[in-house]
Amino acid sequence: MEGREAEIEAFDRLIARTKRQAAERGMLLSGLRGVGKTVLLNNFAAQAERHDWFVVQIEAQPSPQGRMATRQKLARAIDGGARRL
């Protein structure tokens, strides 16, 4: 991905460190609309799945209703993923 090599390399390191069970911090992506965050996240999801990670994609909303909806979506995704194992 053009211009996103640093983020992709950081995610590669995160995967490698996690496989070694080394402590790792997560990643935070931010930016204006249209700069490619979703494309990058989709790339990360594909990378993670290639390494047998369980991937859940959720778009959260910062409201009480949004938090409840996020919890419900996450619970359904985890339940579905657990059933596939």
PDB file of N, CA and C in Angstrom:
ATOM      1  N   MET A   1       0.856  -1.186   0.000  1.00  0.00           N
ATOM      2  CA  MET A   1       0.000   0.000   0.000  1.00  0.00           C
ATOM      3  C   MET A   1       0.894   1.238   0.000  1.00  0.00           C
ATOM      4  N   GLU A   2       0.659   2.054  -0.949  1.00  0.00           N
ATOM      5  CA  GLU A   2       1.450   3.267  -1.125  1.00  0.00           C
ATOM      6  C   GLU A   2       1.315   4.207   0.069  1.00  0.00           C
ATOM      7  N   GLY A   3       2.447   4.578   0.673  1.00  0.00           N
ATOM      8  CA  GLY A   3       2.448   5.554   1.756  1.00  0.00           C
ATOM      9  C   GLY A   3       2.076   5.001   3.122  1.00  0.00           C
ATOM     10  N   ARG A   4       1.808   3.720   3.225  1.00  0.00           N
ATOM     11  CA  ARG A   4       1.400   3.117   4.510  1.00  0.00           C
ATOM     12  C   ARG A   4       2.391   2.053   4.985  1.00  0.00           C
ATOM     13  N   GLU A   5       3.594   2.078   4.428  1.00  0.00           N
ATOM     14  CA  GLU A   5       4.581   1.056   4.762  1.00  0.00           C
ATOM     15  C   GLU A   5       4.910   1.035   6.253  1.00  0.00           C
ATOM     16  N   ALA A   6       5.010   2.201   6.885  1.00  0.00           N
ATOM     17  CA  ALA A   6       5.353   2.251   8.306  1.00  0.00           C
ATOM     18  C   ALA A   6       4.284   1.579   9.165  1.00  0.00           C
ATOM     19  N   GLU A   7       3.026   1.844   8.849  1.00  0.00           N
ATOM     20  CA  GLU A   7       1.936   1.225   9.609  1.00  0.00           C
ATOM     21  C   GLU A   7       1.881  -0.283   9.375  1.00  0.00           C
ATOM     22  N   ILE A   8       2.101  -0.710   8.137  1.00  0.00           N
ATOM     23  CA  ILE A   8       2.075  -2.140   7.825  1.00  0.00           C
ATOM     24  C   ILE A   8       3.227  -2.848   8.534  1.00  0.00           C
ATOM     25  N   GLU A   9       4.409  -2.249   8.525  1.00  0.00           N
ATOM     26  CA  GLU A   9       5.552  -2.830   9.235  1.00  0.00           C
ATOM     27  C   GLU A   9       5.291  -2.891  10.736  1.00  0.00           C
ATOM     28  N   ALA A  10       4.663  -1.860  11.297  1.00  0.00           N
ATOM     29  CA  ALA A  10       4.332  -1.863  12.724  1.00  0.00           C
ATOM     30  C   ALA A  10       3.355  -2.983  13.038  1.00  0.00           C
ATOM     31  N   PHE A  11       2.394  -3.219  12.162  1.00  0.00           N
ATOM     32  CA  PHE A  11       1.440  -4.304  12.379  1.00  0.00           C
ATOM     33  C   PHE A  11       2.128  -5.655  12.248  1.00  0.00           C
ATOM     34  N   ASP A  12       3.047  -5.790  11.298  1.00  0.00           N
ATOM     35  CA  ASP A  12       3.837  -7.019  11.168  1.00  0.00           C
ATOM     36  C   ASP A  12       4.602  -7.300  12.467  1.00  0.00           C
ATOM     37  N   ARG A  13       5.209  -6.256  13.041  1.00  0.00           N
ATOM     38  CA  ARG A  13       5.939  -6.421  14.309  1.00  0.00           C
ATOM     39  C   ARG A  13       4.997  -6.827  15.433  1.00  0.00           C
ATOM     40  N   LEU A  14       3.806  -6.219  15.454  1.00  0.00           N
ATOM     41  CA  LEU A  14       2.819  -6.560  16.470  1.00  0.00           C
ATOM     42  C   LEU A  14       2.455  -8.050  16.377  1.00  0.00           C
ATOM     43  N   ILE A  15       2.225  -8.543  15.179  1.00  0.00           N
ATOM     44  CA  ILE A  15       1.901  -9.957  14.990  1.00  0.00           C
ATOM     45  C   ILE A  15       3.061 -10.833  15.445  1.00  0.00           C
ATOM     46  N   ALA A  16       4.273 -10.489  15.034  1.00  0.00           N
ATOM     47  CA  ALA A  16       5.442 -11.294  15.400  1.00  0.00           C
ATOM     48  C   ALA A  16       5.650 -11.320  16.911  1.00  0.00           C
ATOM     49  N   ARG A  17       5.541 -10.171  17.559  1.00  0.00           N
ATOM     50  CA  ARG A  17       5.725 -10.119  19.011  1.00  0.00           C
ATOM     51  C   ARG A  17       4.626 -10.892  19.731  1.00  0.00           C
ATOM     52  N   THR A  18       3.429 -10.824  19.232  1.00  0.00           N
ATOM     53  CA  THR A  18       2.325 -11.551  19.850  1.00  0.00           C
ATOM     54  C   THR A  18       2.546 -13.055  19.729  1.00  0.00           C
ATOM     55  N   LYS A  19       3.048 -13.508  18.586  1.00  0.00           N
ATOM     56  CA  LYS A  19       3.343 -14.933  18.417  1.00  0.00           C
ATOM     57  C   LYS A  19       4.398 -15.409  19.413  1.00  0.00           C
ATOM     58  N   ARG A  20       5.331 -14.523  19.752  1.00  0.00           N
ATOM     59  CA  ARG A  20       6.368 -14.870  20.740  1.00  0.00           C
ATOM     60  C   ARG A  20       5.877 -14.650  22.163  1.00  0.00           C
ATOM     61  N   GLN A  21       4.623 -14.245  22.303  1.00  0.00           N
ATOM     62  CA  GLN A  21       3.999 -13.939  23.596  1.00  0.00           C
ATOM     63  C   GLN A  21       4.744 -12.817  24.321  1.00  0.00           C
ATOM     64  N   ALA A  22       5.312 -11.917  23.546  1.00  0.00           N
ATOM     65  CA  ALA A  22       5.962 -10.735  24.110  1.00  0.00           C
ATOM     66  C   ALA A  22       4.889  -9.664  24.322  1.00  0.00           C
ATOM     67  N   ALA A  23       5.027  -8.934  25.385  1.00  0.00           N
ATOM     68  CA  ALA A  23       4.061  -7.864  25.666  1.00  0.00           C
ATOM     69  C   ALA A  23       4.029  -6.905  24.483  1.00  0.00           C
ATOM     70  N   GLU A  24       2.854  -6.498  24.119  1.00  0.00           N
ATOM     71  CA  GLU A  24       2.712  -5.596  22.977  1.00  0.00           C
ATOM     72  C   GLU A  24       1.589  -4.621  23.238  1.00  0.00           C
ATOM     73  N   ARG A  25       1.762  -3.449  22.738  1.00  0.00           N
ATOM     74  CA  ARG A  25       0.713  -2.436  22.776  1.00  0.00           C
ATOM     75  C   ARG A  25      -0.106  -2.555  21.509  1.00  0.00           C
ATOM     76  N   GLY A  26      -1.312  -2.075  21.568  1.00  0.00           N
ATOM     77  CA  GLY A  26      -2.147  -2.046  20.379  1.00  0.00           C
ATOM     78  C   GLY A  26      -1.723  -0.909  19.469  1.00  0.00           C
ATOM     79  N   MET A  27      -2.515  -0.681  18.469  1.00  0.00           N
ATOM     80  CA  MET A  27      -2.269   0.412  17.537  1.00  0.00           C
ATOM     81  C   MET A  27      -3.491   1.296  17.504  1.00  0.00           C
ATOM     82  N   LEU A  28      -3.260   2.564  17.304  1.00  0.00           N
ATOM     83  CA  LEU A  28      -4.340   3.533  17.168  1.00  0.00           C
ATOM     84  C   LEU A  28      -4.153   4.242  15.832  1.00  0.00           C
ATOM     85  N   LEU A  29      -5.196   4.198  15.020  1.00  0.00           N
ATOM     86  CA  LEU A  29      -5.166   4.891  13.736  1.00  0.00           C
ATOM     87  C   LEU A  29      -6.127   6.066  13.806  1.00  0.00           C
ATOM     88  N   SER A  30      -5.689   7.186  13.325  1.00  0.00           N
ATOM     89  CA  SER A  30      -6.578   8.346  13.265  1.00  0.00           C
ATOM     90  C   SER A  30      -6.240   9.140  12.010  1.00  0.00           C
ATOM     91  N   GLY A  31      -7.181   9.945  11.597  1.00  0.00           N
ATOM     92  CA  GLY A  31      -6.948  10.768  10.423  1.00  0.00           C
ATOM     93  C   GLY A  31      -8.263  11.299   9.879  1.00  0.00           C
ATOM     94  N   LEU A  32      -8.139  12.240   8.998  1.00  0.00           N
ATOM     95  CA  LEU A  32      -9.309  12.839   8.377  1.00  0.00           C
ATOM     96  C   LEU A  32     -10.021  11.825   7.483  1.00  0.00           C
ATOM     97  N   ARG A  33     -11.262  12.117   7.181  1.00  0.00           N
ATOM     98  CA  ARG A  33     -12.018  11.262   6.265  1.00  0.00           C
ATOM     99  C   ARG A  33     -11.311  11.193   4.919  1.00  0.00           C
ATOM    100  N   GLY A  34     -11.329   9.993   4.359  1.00  0.00           N
ATOM    101  CA  GLY A  34     -10.804   9.843   2.998  1.00  0.00           C
ATOM    102  C   GLY A  34      -9.313   9.625   2.886  1.00  0.00           C
ATOM    103  N   VAL A  35      -8.596   9.454   4.015  1.00  0.00           N
ATOM    104  CA  VAL A  35      -7.149   9.285   3.921  1.00  0.00           C
ATOM    105  C   VAL A  35      -6.736   7.811   3.822  1.00  0.00           C
ATOM    106  N   GLY A  36      -7.718   6.882   3.908  1.00  0.00           N
ATOM    107  CA  GLY A  36      -7.402   5.472   3.706  1.00  0.00           C
ATOM    108  C   GLY A  36      -7.367   4.620   4.965  1.00  0.00           C
ATOM    109  N   LYS A  37      -7.954   5.091   6.060  1.00  0.00           N
ATOM    110  CA  LYS A  37      -7.946   4.301   7.305  1.00  0.00           C
ATOM    111  C   LYS A  37      -8.663   2.973   7.133  1.00  0.00           C
ATOM    112  N   THR A  38      -9.824   2.987   6.496  1.00  0.00           N
ATOM    113  CA  THR A  38     -10.590   1.758   6.327  1.00  0.00           C
ATOM    114  C   THR A  38      -9.858   0.781   5.419  1.00  0.00           C
ATOM    115  N   VAL A  39      -9.248   1.270   4.371  1.00  0.00           N
ATOM    116  CA  VAL A  39      -8.464   0.410   3.475  1.00  0.00           C
ATOM    117  C   VAL A  39      -7.317  -0.226   4.256  1.00  0.00           C
ATOM    118  N   LEU A  40      -6.650   0.562   5.087  1.00  0.00           N
ATOM    119  CA  LEU A  40      -5.550   0.044   5.897  1.00  0.00           C
ATOM    120  C   LEU A  40      -6.055  -0.989   6.905  1.00  0.00           C
ATOM    121  N   LEU A  41      -7.176  -0.711   7.551  1.00  0.00           N
ATOM    122  CA  LEU A  41      -7.747  -1.669   8.503  1.00  0.00           C
ATOM    123  C   LEU A  41      -8.134  -2.972   7.805  1.00  0.00           C
ATOM    124  N   ASN A  42      -8.674  -2.882   6.611  1.00  0.00           N
ATOM    125  CA  ASN A  42      -9.000  -4.097   5.851  1.00  0.00           C
ATOM    126  C   ASN A  42      -7.735  -4.890   5.522  1.00  0.00           C
ATOM    127  N   ASN A  43      -6.655  -4.182   5.216  1.00  0.00           N
ATOM    128  CA  ASN A  43      -5.364  -4.830   4.975  1.00  0.00           C
ATOM    129  C   ASN A  43      -4.882  -5.529   6.246  1.00  0.00           C
ATOM    130  N   PHE A  44      -5.003  -4.846   7.389  1.00  0.00           N
ATOM    131  CA  PHE A  44      -4.612  -5.452   8.672  1.00  0.00           C
ATOM    132  C   PHE A  44      -5.450  -6.698   8.954  1.00  0.00           C
ATOM    133  N   ALA A  45      -6.744  -6.632   8.685  1.00  0.00           N
ATOM    134  CA  ALA A  45      -7.627  -7.782   8.927  1.00  0.00           C
ATOM    135  C   ALA A  45      -7.180  -8.979   8.089  1.00  0.00           C
ATOM    136  N   ALA A  46      -6.866  -8.747   6.828  1.00  0.00           N
ATOM    137  CA  ALA A  46      -6.407  -9.834   5.961  1.00  0.00           C
ATOM    138  C   ALA A  46      -5.079 -10.396   6.464  1.00  0.00           C
ATOM    139  N   GLN A  47      -4.171  -9.508   6.879  1.00  0.00           N
ATOM    140  CA  GLN A  47      -2.893  -9.944   7.438  1.00  0.00           C
ATOM    141  C   GLN A  47      -3.127 -10.802   8.682  1.00  0.00           C
ATOM    142  N   ALA A  48      -3.974 -10.343   9.562  1.00  0.00           N
ATOM    143  CA  ALA A  48      -4.250 -11.048  10.808  1.00  0.00           C
ATOM    144  C   ALA A  48      -4.861 -12.419  10.523  1.00  0.00           C
ATOM    145  N   GLU A  49      -5.796 -12.485   9.606  1.00  0.00           N
ATOM    146  CA  GLU A  49      -6.429 -13.770   9.277  1.00  0.00           C
ATOM    147  C   GLU A  49      -5.422 -14.743   8.682  1.00  0.00           C
ATOM    148  N   ARG A  50      -4.456 -14.229   7.903  1.00  0.00           N
ATOM    149  CA  ARG A  50      -3.406 -15.107   7.363  1.00  0.00           C
ATOM    150  C   ARG A  50      -2.575 -15.731   8.486  1.00  0.00           C
ATOM    151  N   HIS A  51      -2.543 -15.073   9.631  1.00  0.00           N
ATOM    152  CA  HIS A  51      -1.805 -15.585  10.797  1.00  0.00           C
ATOM    153  C   HIS A  51      -2.739 -16.265  11.801  1.00  0.00           C
ATOM    154  N   ASP A  52      -3.920 -16.646  11.325  1.00  0.00           N
ATOM    155  CA  ASP A  52      -4.912 -17.365  12.137  1.00  0.00           C
ATOM    156  C   ASP A  52      -5.437 -16.567  13.312  1.00  0.00           C
ATOM    157  N   TRP A  53      -5.482 -15.260  13.197  1.00  0.00           N
ATOM    158  CA  TRP A  53      -6.113 -14.435  14.222  1.00  0.00           C
ATOM    159  C   TRP A  53      -7.607 -14.408  13.960  1.00  0.00           C
ATOM    160  N   PHE A  54      -8.358 -14.245  15.016  1.00  0.00           N
ATOM    161  CA  PHE A  54      -9.802 -14.076  14.942  1.00  0.00           C
ATOM    162  C   PHE A  54     -10.064 -12.580  14.770  1.00  0.00           C
ATOM    163  N   VAL A  55     -10.719 -12.197  13.697  1.00  0.00           N
ATOM    164  CA  VAL A  55     -10.923 -10.783  13.366  1.00  0.00           C
ATOM    165  C   VAL A  55     -12.395 -10.423  13.486  1.00  0.00           C
ATOM    166  N   VAL A  56     -12.657  -9.337  14.186  1.00  0.00           N
ATOM    167  CA  VAL A  56     -14.009  -8.802  14.308  1.00  0.00           C
ATOM    168  C   VAL A  56     -13.954  -7.350  13.861  1.00  0.00           C
ATOM    169  N   GLN A  57     -14.804  -6.992  12.914  1.00  0.00           N
ATOM    170  CA  GLN A  57     -14.848  -5.610  12.439  1.00  0.00           C
ATOM    171  C   GLN A  57     -16.150  -4.963  12.919  1.00  0.00           C
ATOM    172  N   ILE A  58     -15.988  -3.911  13.709  1.00  0.00           N
ATOM    173  CA  ILE A  58     -17.136  -3.211  14.281  1.00  0.00           C
ATOM    174  C   ILE A  58     -16.906  -1.713  14.144  1.00  0.00           C
ATOM    175  N   GLU A  59     -17.941  -1.006  13.759  1.00  0.00           N
ATOM    176  CA  GLU A  59     -17.893   0.451  13.755  1.00  0.00           C
ATOM    177  C   GLU A  59     -18.708   0.919  14.952  1.00  0.00           C
ATOM    178  N   ALA A  60     -18.042   1.558  15.887  1.00  0.00           N
ATOM    179  CA  ALA A  60     -18.690   1.980  17.130  1.00  0.00           C
ATOM    180  C   ALA A  60     -19.201   3.416  17.021  1.00  0.00           C
ATOM    181  N   GLN A  61     -20.210   3.732  17.830  1.00  0.00           N
ATOM    182  CA  GLN A  61     -20.771   5.083  17.902  1.00  0.00           C
ATOM    183  C   GLN A  61     -20.662   5.573  19.348  1.00  0.00           C
ATOM    184  N   PRO A  62     -20.242   6.821  19.561  1.00  0.00           N
ATOM    185  CA  PRO A  62     -20.014   7.329  20.924  1.00  0.00           C
ATOM    186  C   PRO A  62     -21.289   7.830  21.616  1.00  0.00           C
ATOM    187  N   SER A  63     -22.216   6.935  21.841  1.00  0.00           N
ATOM    188  CA  SER A  63     -23.445   7.284  22.549  1.00  0.00           C
ATOM    189  C   SER A  63     -23.835   6.079  23.389  1.00  0.00           C
ATOM    190  N   PRO A  64     -24.716   6.254  24.362  1.00  0.00           N
ATOM    191  CA  PRO A  64     -25.148   5.078  25.141  1.00  0.00           C
ATOM    192  C   PRO A  64     -25.725   3.981  24.251  1.00  0.00           C
ATOM    193  N   GLN A  65     -26.547   4.353  23.271  1.00  0.00           N
ATOM    194  CA  GLN A  65     -27.112   3.359  22.356  1.00  0.00           C
ATOM    195  C   GLN A  65     -26.015   2.716  21.502  1.00  0.00           C
ATOM    196  N   GLY A  66     -25.056   3.535  21.102  1.00  0.00           N
ATOM    197  CA  GLY A  66     -23.936   3.026  20.301  1.00  0.00           C
ATOM    198  C   GLY A  66     -23.086   2.041  21.088  1.00  0.00           C
ATOM    199  N   ARG A  67     -22.848   2.353  22.362  1.00  0.00           N
ATOM    200  CA  ARG A  67     -22.062   1.438  23.197  1.00  0.00           C
ATOM    201  C   ARG A  67     -22.785   0.103  23.356  1.00  0.00           C
ATOM    202  N   MET A  68     -24.087   0.147  23.567  1.00  0.00           N
ATOM    203  CA  MET A  68     -24.867  -1.081  23.708  1.00  0.00           C
ATOM    204  C   MET A  68     -24.842  -1.880  22.407  1.00  0.00           C
ATOM    205  N   ALA A  69     -25.026  -1.200  21.287  1.00  0.00           N
ATOM    206  CA  ALA A  69     -25.004  -1.880  19.989  1.00  0.00           C
ATOM    207  C   ALA A  69     -23.631  -2.508  19.736  1.00  0.00           C
ATOM    208  N   THR A  70     -22.560  -1.808  20.106  1.00  0.00           N
ATOM    209  CA  THR A  70     -21.206  -2.331  19.935  1.00  0.00           C
ATOM    210  C   THR A  70     -21.012  -3.587  20.768  1.00  0.00           C
ATOM    211  N   ARG A  71     -21.455  -3.544  22.026  1.00  0.00           N
ATOM    212  CA  ARG A  71     -21.343  -4.725  22.891  1.00  0.00           C
ATOM    213  C   ARG A  71     -22.094  -5.917  22.288  1.00  0.00           C
ATOM    214  N   GLN A  72     -23.289  -5.653  21.771  1.00  0.00           N
ATOM    215  CA  GLN A  72     -24.090  -6.739  21.190  1.00  0.00           C
ATOM    216  C   GLN A  72     -23.421  -7.320  19.942  1.00  0.00           C
ATOM    217  N   LYS A  73     -22.915  -6.444  19.079  1.00  0.00           N
ATOM    218  CA  LYS A  73     -22.235  -6.908  17.869  1.00  0.00           C
ATOM    219  C   LYS A  73     -20.997  -7.720  18.225  1.00  0.00           C
ATOM    220  N   LEU A  74     -20.232  -7.232  19.207  1.00  0.00           N
ATOM    221  CA  LEU A  74     -19.023  -7.931  19.628  1.00  0.00           C
ATOM    222  C   LEU A  74     -19.367  -9.293  20.229  1.00  0.00           C
ATOM    223  N   ALA A  75     -20.397  -9.338  21.059  1.00  0.00           N
ATOM    224  CA  ALA A  75     -20.809 -10.612  21.671  1.00  0.00           C
ATOM    225  C   ALA A  75     -21.224 -11.616  20.599  1.00  0.00           C
ATOM    226  N   ARG A  76     -22.004 -11.162  19.597  1.00  0.00           N
ATOM    227  CA  ARG A  76     -22.426 -12.065  18.521  1.00  0.00           C
ATOM    228  C   ARG A  76     -21.220 -12.566  17.723  1.00  0.00           C
ATOM    229  N   ALA A  77     -20.287 -11.670  17.444  1.00  0.00           N
ATOM    230  CA  ALA A  77     -19.109 -12.052  16.665  1.00  0.00           C
ATOM    231  C   ALA A  77     -18.251 -13.050  17.436  1.00  0.00           C
ATOM    232  N   ILE A  78     -18.054 -12.813  18.721  1.00  0.00           N
ATOM    233  CA  ILE A  78     -17.254 -13.739  19.531  1.00  0.00           C
ATOM    234  C   ILE A  78     -17.961 -15.088  19.633  1.00  0.00           C
ATOM    235  N   ASP A  79     -19.262 -15.077  19.838  1.00  0.00           N
ATOM    236  CA  ASP A  79     -20.025 -16.314  19.904  1.00  0.00           C
ATOM    237  C   ASP A  79     -19.893 -17.093  18.592  1.00  0.00           C
ATOM    238  N   GLY A  80     -20.069 -16.407  17.481  1.00  0.00           N
ATOM    239  CA  GLY A  80     -19.938 -17.054  16.175  1.00  0.00           C
ATOM    240  C   GLY A  80     -18.535 -17.601  15.943  1.00  0.00           C
ATOM    241  N   GLY A  81     -17.527 -16.830  16.339  1.00  0.00           N
ATOM    242  CA  GLY A  81     -16.145 -17.284  16.193  1.00  0.00           C
ATOM    243  C   GLY A  81     -15.850 -18.492  17.063  1.00  0.00           C
ATOM    244  N   ALA A  82     -16.363 -18.498  18.284  1.00  0.00           N
ATOM    245  CA  ALA A  82     -16.160 -19.626  19.189  1.00  0.00           C
ATOM    246  C   ALA A  82     -16.822 -20.883  18.625  1.00  0.00           C
ATOM    247  N   ARG A  83     -17.969 -20.728  18.012  1.00  0.00           N
ATOM    248  CA  ARG A  83     -18.660 -21.892  17.421  1.00  0.00           C
ATOM    249  C   ARG A  83     -17.872 -22.481  16.257  1.00  0.00           C
ATOM    250  N   ARG A  84     -17.149 -21.611  15.515  1.00  0.00           N
ATOM    251  CA  ARG A  84     -16.349 -22.112  14.388  1.00  0.00           C
ATOM    252  C   ARG A  84     -15.114 -22.864  14.868  1.00  0.00           C
ATOM    253  N   LEU A  85     -14.666 -22.582  16.081  1.00  0.00           N
ATOM    254  CA  LEU A  85     -13.490 -23.299  16.601  1.00  0.00           C
ATOM    255  C   LEU A  85     -13.913 -24.676  16.947  1.00  0.00           C
TER     256      LEU A  85
END
